[in-house]
Amino acid sequence: MIFCGIEDEIIGDFGLSGGGAAGFELDRVDCRLGSPANIQIVASSEGHDESFKLVPEEQLTHISNWPREPVDRLLRADMV
C-alpha cells in the first residue's frame, strides 16, 4: 500500500545533499544499536560517495569499525 501508484524502482534519486532522498545524516536499522527486531525496512539508500563517513562512535580504528562490516554496507539510510 505504501508504494501504491509508484512505478519507478528508484525513489528519490535527486536532492539538495547527496543527490537523493538521504542527505546530511544517514540513519539505518541495526538491531545491535537498538532497532526493534520486528522492524520492516521498506526502502534503503545506496551508493553514497566518499564524502559520507561513519560516525566516530562506530569507528574502532582508522581501518576498522565495531560491526566489522564493509563501510559501504553500513552507509545507508533506511525507511521503515
PDB file of N, CA and C in Angstrom:
ATOM      1  N   MET A   1       0.813  -1.201   0.000  1.00  0.00           N
ATOM      2  CA  MET A   1       0.000   0.000   0.000  1.00  0.00           C
ATOM      3  C   MET A   1       0.856   1.265   0.000  1.00  0.00           C
ATOM      4  N   ILE A   2       1.963   1.256   0.722  1.00  0.00           N
ATOM      5  CA  ILE A   2       2.747   2.467   0.874  1.00  0.00           C
ATOM      6  C   ILE A   2       3.297   2.969  -0.458  1.00  0.00           C
ATOM      7  N   PHE A   3       3.581   2.056  -1.389  1.00  0.00           N
ATOM      8  CA  PHE A   3       4.129   2.440  -2.686  1.00  0.00           C
ATOM      9  C   PHE A   3       3.089   2.333  -3.805  1.00  0.00           C
ATOM     10  N   CYS A   4       1.838   2.271  -3.450  1.00  0.00           N
ATOM     11  CA  CYS A   4       0.755   2.175  -4.427  1.00  0.00           C
ATOM     12  C   CYS A   4       0.805   3.369  -5.376  1.00  0.00           C
ATOM     13  N   GLY A   5       0.849   3.092  -6.661  1.00  0.00           N
ATOM     14  CA  GLY A   5       0.880   4.138  -7.668  1.00  0.00           C
ATOM     15  C   GLY A   5       2.278   4.572  -8.079  1.00  0.00           C
ATOM     16  N   ILE A   6       3.295   4.107  -7.374  1.00  0.00           N
ATOM     17  CA  ILE A   6       4.680   4.437  -7.730  1.00  0.00           C
ATOM     18  C   ILE A   6       5.209   3.331  -8.627  1.00  0.00           C
ATOM     19  N   GLU A   7       5.568   3.700  -9.835  1.00  0.00           N
ATOM     20  CA  GLU A   7       6.014   2.703 -10.796  1.00  0.00           C
ATOM     21  C   GLU A   7       7.536   2.628 -10.920  1.00  0.00           C
ATOM     22  N   ASP A   8       8.237   3.687 -10.503  1.00  0.00           N
ATOM     23  CA  ASP A   8       9.689   3.694 -10.596  1.00  0.00           C
ATOM     24  C   ASP A   8      10.304   2.761  -9.559  1.00  0.00           C
ATOM     25  N   GLU A   9      11.401   2.105  -9.931  1.00  0.00           N
ATOM     26  CA  GLU A   9      12.098   1.252  -8.985  1.00  0.00           C
ATOM     27  C   GLU A   9      12.993   2.076  -8.058  1.00  0.00           C
ATOM     28  N   ILE A  10      13.519   3.189  -8.557  1.00  0.00           N
ATOM     29  CA  ILE A  10      14.356   4.087  -7.755  1.00  0.00           C
ATOM     30  C   ILE A  10      13.505   5.274  -7.319  1.00  0.00           C
ATOM     31  N   ILE A  11      13.519   5.543  -6.018  1.00  0.00           N
ATOM     32  CA  ILE A  11      12.728   6.643  -5.455  1.00  0.00           C
ATOM     33  C   ILE A  11      13.691   7.677  -4.877  1.00  0.00           C
ATOM     34  N   GLY A  12      13.513   8.925  -5.215  1.00  0.00           N
ATOM     35  CA  GLY A  12      14.312   9.988  -4.622  1.00  0.00           C
ATOM     36  C   GLY A  12      15.728  10.053  -5.129  1.00  0.00           C
ATOM     37  N   ASP A  13      15.917   9.930  -6.428  1.00  0.00           N
ATOM     38  CA  ASP A  13      17.273   9.978  -6.985  1.00  0.00           C
ATOM     39  C   ASP A  13      17.682  11.405  -7.346  1.00  0.00           C
ATOM     40  N   PHE A  14      17.258  12.359  -6.542  1.00  0.00           N
ATOM     41  CA  PHE A  14      17.613  13.761  -6.705  1.00  0.00           C
ATOM     42  C   PHE A  14      17.492  14.412  -5.336  1.00  0.00           C
ATOM     43  N   GLY A  15      18.148  15.516  -5.143  1.00  0.00           N
ATOM     44  CA  GLY A  15      18.019  16.214  -3.869  1.00  0.00           C
ATOM     45  C   GLY A  15      19.155  17.174  -3.621  1.00  0.00           C
ATOM     46  N   LEU A  16      19.008  17.978  -2.586  1.00  0.00           N
ATOM     47  CA  LEU A  16      19.956  19.031  -2.238  1.00  0.00           C
ATOM     48  C   LEU A  16      21.293  18.472  -1.762  1.00  0.00           C
ATOM     49  N   SER A  17      21.273  17.506  -0.879  1.00  0.00           N
ATOM     50  CA  SER A  17      22.507  16.968  -0.297  1.00  0.00           C
ATOM     51  C   SER A  17      22.628  15.489  -0.638  1.00  0.00           C
ATOM     52  N   GLY A  18      23.713  15.116  -1.265  1.00  0.00           N
ATOM     53  CA  GLY A  18      23.927  13.716  -1.586  1.00  0.00           C
ATOM     54  C   GLY A  18      23.239  13.264  -2.848  1.00  0.00           C
ATOM     55  N   GLY A  19      22.498  14.137  -3.490  1.00  0.00           N
ATOM     56  CA  GLY A  19      21.848  13.796  -4.751  1.00  0.00           C
ATOM     57  C   GLY A  19      20.694  12.827  -4.623  1.00  0.00           C
ATOM     58  N   GLY A  20      20.097  12.711  -3.449  1.00  0.00           N
ATOM     59  CA  GLY A  20      18.989  11.784  -3.290  1.00  0.00           C
ATOM     60  C   GLY A  20      18.168  12.075  -2.057  1.00  0.00           C
ATOM     61  N   ALA A  21      17.294  11.137  -1.733  1.00  0.00           N
ATOM     62  CA  ALA A  21      16.402  11.302  -0.590  1.00  0.00           C
ATOM     63  C   ALA A  21      17.161  11.298   0.733  1.00  0.00           C
ATOM     64  N   ALA A  22      18.292  10.591   0.807  1.00  0.00           N
ATOM     65  CA  ALA A  22      19.129  10.600   2.009  1.00  0.00           C
ATOM     66  C   ALA A  22      20.090  11.776   1.895  1.00  0.00           C
ATOM     67  N   GLY A  23      20.242  12.511   2.972  1.00  0.00           N
ATOM     68  CA  GLY A  23      21.044  13.727   2.869  1.00  0.00           C
ATOM     69  C   GLY A  23      22.131  13.868   3.892  1.00  0.00           C
ATOM     70  N   PHE A  24      22.021  14.893   4.727  1.00  0.00           N
ATOM     71  CA  PHE A  24      23.082  15.238   5.673  1.00  0.00           C
ATOM     72  C   PHE A  24      23.372  14.131   6.681  1.00  0.00           C
ATOM     73  N   GLU A  25      22.373  13.384   7.049  1.00  0.00           N
ATOM     74  CA  GLU A  25      22.539  12.356   8.076  1.00  0.00           C
ATOM     75  C   GLU A  25      21.892  11.070   7.604  1.00  0.00           C
ATOM     76  N   LEU A  26      22.598   9.965   7.753  1.00  0.00           N
ATOM     77  CA  LEU A  26      22.079   8.660   7.353  1.00  0.00           C
ATOM     78  C   LEU A  26      21.738   7.860   8.606  1.00  0.00           C
ATOM     79  N   ASP A  27      20.501   7.449   8.733  1.00  0.00           N
ATOM     80  CA  ASP A  27      20.058   6.636   9.869  1.00  0.00           C
ATOM     81  C   ASP A  27      19.633   5.279   9.342  1.00  0.00           C
ATOM     82  N   ARG A  28      20.262   4.228   9.860  1.00  0.00           N
ATOM     83  CA  ARG A  28      19.964   2.885   9.378  1.00  0.00           C
ATOM     84  C   ARG A  28      19.389   2.022  10.491  1.00  0.00           C
ATOM     85  N   VAL A  29      18.700   0.985  10.089  1.00  0.00           N
ATOM     86  CA  VAL A  29      18.213  -0.016  11.022  1.00  0.00           C
ATOM     87  C   VAL A  29      19.390  -0.906  11.393  1.00  0.00           C
ATOM     88  N   ASP A  30      19.572  -1.127  12.687  1.00  0.00           N
ATOM     89  CA  ASP A  30      20.625  -2.018  13.174  1.00  0.00           C
ATOM     90  C   ASP A  30      20.210  -2.505  14.555  1.00  0.00           C
ATOM     91  N   CYS A  31      19.831  -3.763  14.649  1.00  0.00           N
ATOM     92  CA  CYS A  31      19.373  -4.319  15.925  1.00  0.00           C
ATOM     93  C   CYS A  31      20.461  -4.256  16.991  1.00  0.00           C
ATOM     94  N   ARG A  32      21.728  -4.267  16.575  1.00  0.00           N
ATOM     95  CA  ARG A  32      22.829  -4.157  17.534  1.00  0.00           C
ATOM     96  C   ARG A  32      22.866  -2.786  18.187  1.00  0.00           C
ATOM     97  N   LEU A  33      22.218  -1.812  17.559  1.00  0.00           N
ATOM     98  CA  LEU A  33      22.185  -0.447  18.091  1.00  0.00           C
ATOM     99  C   LEU A  33      20.843  -0.102  18.718  1.00  0.00           C
ATOM    100  N   GLY A  34      19.950  -1.077  18.806  1.00  0.00           N
ATOM    101  CA  GLY A  34      18.674  -0.846  19.471  1.00  0.00           C
ATOM    102  C   GLY A  34      17.444  -0.838  18.587  1.00  0.00           C
ATOM    103  N   SER A  35      17.603  -1.049  17.286  1.00  0.00           N
ATOM    104  CA  SER A  35      16.423  -1.140  16.423  1.00  0.00           C
ATOM    105  C   SER A  35      15.624  -2.382  16.812  1.00  0.00           C
ATOM    106  N   PRO A  36      14.306  -2.287  16.859  1.00  0.00           N
ATOM    107  CA  PRO A  36      13.493  -3.455  17.209  1.00  0.00           C
ATOM    108  C   PRO A  36      13.691  -4.593  16.210  1.00  0.00           C
ATOM    109  N   ALA A  37      13.660  -5.820  16.694  1.00  0.00           N
ATOM    110  CA  ALA A  37      13.880  -6.989  15.843  1.00  0.00           C
ATOM    111  C   ALA A  37      12.774  -7.152  14.799  1.00  0.00           C
ATOM    112  N   ASN A  38      11.584  -6.658  15.074  1.00  0.00           N
ATOM    113  CA  ASN A  38      10.457  -6.847  14.159  1.00  0.00           C
ATOM    114  C   ASN A  38      10.257  -5.673  13.190  1.00  0.00           C
ATOM    115  N   ILE A  39      11.211  -4.770  13.117  1.00  0.00           N
ATOM    116  CA  ILE A  39      11.093  -3.601  12.243  1.00  0.00           C
ATOM    117  C   ILE A  39      11.131  -4.028  10.772  1.00  0.00           C
ATOM    118  N   GLN A  40      10.414  -3.334   9.926  1.00  0.00           N
ATOM    119  CA  GLN A  40      10.391  -3.652   8.498  1.00  0.00           C
ATOM    120  C   GLN A  40      10.971  -2.488   7.702  1.00  0.00           C
ATOM    121  N   ILE A  41      11.985  -2.780   6.915  1.00  0.00           N
ATOM    122  CA  ILE A  41      12.597  -1.775   6.043  1.00  0.00           C
ATOM    123  C   ILE A  41      11.839  -1.804   4.722  1.00  0.00           C
ATOM    124  N   VAL A  42      11.356  -0.640   4.279  1.00  0.00           N
ATOM    125  CA  VAL A  42      10.629  -0.573   3.009  1.00  0.00           C
ATOM    126  C   VAL A  42      11.472   0.029   1.892  1.00  0.00           C
ATOM    127  N   ALA A  43      12.556   0.728   2.263  1.00  0.00           N
ATOM    128  CA  ALA A  43      13.464   1.298   1.260  1.00  0.00           C
ATOM    129  C   ALA A  43      14.789   1.634   1.935  1.00  0.00           C
ATOM    130  N   SER A  44      15.866   1.595   1.160  1.00  0.00           N
ATOM    131  CA  SER A  44      17.201   1.950   1.667  1.00  0.00           C
ATOM    132  C   SER A  44      17.937   2.765   0.623  1.00  0.00           C
ATOM    133  N   SER A  45      18.769   3.680   1.102  1.00  0.00           N
ATOM    134  CA  SER A  45      19.630   4.431   0.189  1.00  0.00           C
ATOM    135  C   SER A  45      20.885   3.609  -0.076  1.00  0.00           C
ATOM    136  N   GLU A  46      21.569   3.920  -1.164  1.00  0.00           N
ATOM    137  CA  GLU A  46      22.795   3.190  -1.502  1.00  0.00           C
ATOM    138  C   GLU A  46      23.679   4.046  -2.394  1.00  0.00           C
ATOM    139  N   GLY A  47      24.919   3.622  -2.559  1.00  0.00           N
ATOM    140  CA  GLY A  47      25.822   4.294  -3.480  1.00  0.00           C
ATOM    141  C   GLY A  47      26.316   5.651  -3.030  1.00  0.00           C
ATOM    142  N   HIS A  48      26.473   5.851  -1.727  1.00  0.00           N
ATOM    143  CA  HIS A  48      26.958   7.140  -1.219  1.00  0.00           C
ATOM    144  C   HIS A  48      28.442   7.302  -1.523  1.00  0.00           C
ATOM    145  N   ASP A  49      28.838   8.512  -1.870  1.00  0.00           N
ATOM    146  CA  ASP A  49      30.242   8.747  -2.235  1.00  0.00           C
ATOM    147  C   ASP A  49      31.122   8.861  -0.989  1.00  0.00           C
ATOM    148  N   GLU A  50      32.406   9.089  -1.219  1.00  0.00           N
ATOM    149  CA  GLU A  50      33.394   9.105  -0.139  1.00  0.00           C
ATOM    150  C   GLU A  50      33.237  10.279   0.830  1.00  0.00           C
ATOM    151  N   SER A  51      32.367  11.224   0.526  1.00  0.00           N
ATOM    152  CA  SER A  51      32.145  12.320   1.467  1.00  0.00           C
ATOM    153  C   SER A  51      31.316  11.877   2.676  1.00  0.00           C
ATOM    154  N   PHE A  52      30.632  10.750   2.579  1.00  0.00           N
ATOM    155  CA  PHE A  52      29.864  10.203   3.700  1.00  0.00           C
ATOM    156  C   PHE A  52      30.771   9.324   4.543  1.00  0.00           C
ATOM    157  N   LYS A  53      30.702   9.493   5.852  1.00  0.00           N
ATOM    158  CA  LYS A  53      31.555   8.755   6.791  1.00  0.00           C
ATOM    159  C   LYS A  53      30.707   8.136   7.888  1.00  0.00           C
ATOM    160  N   LEU A  54      31.238   7.081   8.506  1.00  0.00           N
ATOM    161  CA  LEU A  54      30.607   6.542   9.705  1.00  0.00           C
ATOM    162  C   LEU A  54      30.797   7.534  10.845  1.00  0.00           C
ATOM    163  N   VAL A  55      29.878   7.531  11.783  1.00  0.00           N
ATOM    164  CA  VAL A  55      30.037   8.391  12.957  1.00  0.00           C
ATOM    165  C   VAL A  55      31.191   7.863  13.806  1.00  0.00           C
ATOM    166  N   PRO A  56      31.867   8.730  14.537  1.00  0.00           N
ATOM    167  CA  PRO A  56      33.019   8.297  15.339  1.00  0.00           C
ATOM    168  C   PRO A  56      32.710   7.139  16.293  1.00  0.00           C
ATOM    169  N   GLU A  57      31.475   7.071  16.795  1.00  0.00           N
ATOM    170  CA  GLU A  57      31.112   6.014  17.744  1.00  0.00           C
ATOM    171  C   GLU A  57      31.220   4.615  17.131  1.00  0.00           C
ATOM    172  N   GLU A  58      31.185   4.522  15.793  1.00  0.00           N
ATOM    173  CA  GLU A  58      31.256   3.223  15.134  1.00  0.00           C
ATOM    174  C   GLU A  58      32.666   2.853  14.686  1.00  0.00           C
ATOM    175  N   GLN A  59      33.589   3.781  14.817  1.00  0.00           N
ATOM    176  CA  GLN A  59      34.963   3.541  14.399  1.00  0.00           C
ATOM    177  C   GLN A  59      35.756   2.919  15.554  1.00  0.00           C
ATOM    178  N   LEU A  60      36.438   1.817  15.297  1.00  0.00           N
ATOM    179  CA  LEU A  60      37.364   1.263  16.282  1.00  0.00           C
ATOM    180  C   LEU A  60      38.744   1.850  16.061  1.00  0.00           C
ATOM    181  N   THR A  61      39.173   1.827  14.814  1.00  0.00           N
ATOM    182  CA  THR A  61      40.452   2.413  14.424  1.00  0.00           C
ATOM    183  C   THR A  61      40.237   3.081  13.073  1.00  0.00           C
ATOM    184  N   HIS A  62      41.282   3.590  12.491  1.00  0.00           N
ATOM    185  CA  HIS A  62      41.161   4.215  11.176  1.00  0.00           C
ATOM    186  C   HIS A  62      40.882   3.195  10.073  1.00  0.00           C
ATOM    187  N   ILE A  63      41.017   1.890  10.366  1.00  0.00           N
ATOM    188  CA  ILE A  63      40.774   0.865   9.345  1.00  0.00           C
ATOM    189  C   ILE A  63      39.696  -0.142   9.718  1.00  0.00           C
ATOM    190  N   SER A  64      39.090  -0.021  10.888  1.00  0.00           N
ATOM    191  CA  SER A  64      38.044  -0.977  11.261  1.00  0.00           C
ATOM    192  C   SER A  64      36.916  -0.286  12.013  1.00  0.00           C
ATOM    193  N   ASN A  65      35.763  -0.946  12.013  1.00  0.00           N
ATOM    194  CA  ASN A  65      34.593  -0.436  12.723  1.00  0.00           C
ATOM    195  C   ASN A  65      34.067  -1.544  13.632  1.00  0.00           C
ATOM    196  N   TRP A  66      33.257  -1.181  14.616  1.00  0.00           N
ATOM    197  CA  TRP A  66      32.827  -2.188  15.590  1.00  0.00           C
ATOM    198  C   TRP A  66      31.903  -3.258  14.997  1.00  0.00           C
ATOM    199  N   PRO A  67      31.052  -2.962  13.986  1.00  0.00           N
ATOM    200  CA  PRO A  67      30.263  -4.066  13.413  1.00  0.00           C
ATOM    201  C   PRO A  67      31.098  -5.011  12.540  1.00  0.00           C
ATOM    202  N   ARG A  68      32.330  -4.594  12.202  1.00  0.00           N
ATOM    203  CA  ARG A  68      33.225  -5.371  11.355  1.00  0.00           C
ATOM    204  C   ARG A  68      32.569  -5.751  10.021  1.00  0.00           C
ATOM    205  N   GLU A  69      31.919  -4.765   9.437  1.00  0.00           N
ATOM    206  CA  GLU A  69      31.284  -4.924   8.125  1.00  0.00           C
ATOM    207  C   GLU A  69      31.893  -3.902   7.174  1.00  0.00           C
ATOM    208  N   PRO A  70      31.824  -4.171   5.877  1.00  0.00           N
ATOM    209  CA  PRO A  70      32.302  -3.163   4.919  1.00  0.00           C
ATOM    210  C   PRO A  70      31.541  -1.846   5.110  1.00  0.00           C
ATOM    211  N   VAL A  71      32.260  -0.746   5.076  1.00  0.00           N
ATOM    212  CA  VAL A  71      31.664   0.566   5.311  1.00  0.00           C
ATOM    213  C   VAL A  71      30.521   0.838   4.332  1.00  0.00           C
ATOM    214  N   ASP A  72      30.653   0.430   3.075  1.00  0.00           N
ATOM    215  CA  ASP A  72      29.588   0.703   2.110  1.00  0.00           C
ATOM    216  C   ASP A  72      28.278  -0.001   2.466  1.00  0.00           C
ATOM    217  N   ARG A  73      28.321  -1.071   3.243  1.00  0.00           N
ATOM    218  CA  ARG A  73      27.089  -1.734   3.701  1.00  0.00           C
ATOM    219  C   ARG A  73      26.466  -0.997   4.876  1.00  0.00           C
ATOM    220  N   LEU A  74      27.288  -0.280   5.635  1.00  0.00           N
ATOM    221  CA  LEU A  74      26.800   0.459   6.797  1.00  0.00           C
ATOM    222  C   LEU A  74      26.311   1.851   6.453  1.00  0.00           C
ATOM    223  N   LEU A  75      26.852   2.448   5.407  1.00  0.00           N
ATOM    224  CA  LEU A  75      26.467   3.800   4.992  1.00  0.00           C
ATOM    225  C   LEU A  75      25.190   3.743   4.170  1.00  0.00           C
ATOM    226  N   ARG A  76      24.082   3.837   4.856  1.00  0.00           N
ATOM    227  CA  ARG A  76      22.778   3.825   4.188  1.00  0.00           C
ATOM    228  C   ARG A  76      21.738   4.474   5.099  1.00  0.00           C
ATOM    229  N   ALA A  77      20.687   4.925   4.505  1.00  0.00           N
ATOM    230  CA  ALA A  77      19.524   5.410   5.249  1.00  0.00           C
ATOM    231  C   ALA A  77      18.399   4.431   4.968  1.00  0.00           C
ATOM    232  N   ASP A  78      17.744   3.974   6.007  1.00  0.00           N
ATOM    233  CA  ASP A  78      16.632   3.034   5.859  1.00  0.00           C
ATOM    234  C   ASP A  78      15.314   3.747   6.128  1.00  0.00           C
ATOM    235  N   MET A  79      14.339   3.464   5.289  1.00  0.00           N
ATOM    236  CA  MET A  79      12.977   3.958   5.511  1.00  0.00           C
ATOM    237  C   MET A  79      12.185   2.800   6.102  1.00  0.00           C
ATOM    238  N   VAL A  80      11.574   3.063   7.246  1.00  0.00           N
ATOM    239  CA  VAL A  80      10.831   1.999   7.942  1.00  0.00           C
ATOM    240  C   VAL A  80       9.365   2.329   8.041  1.00  0.00           C
TER     241      VAL A  80
END
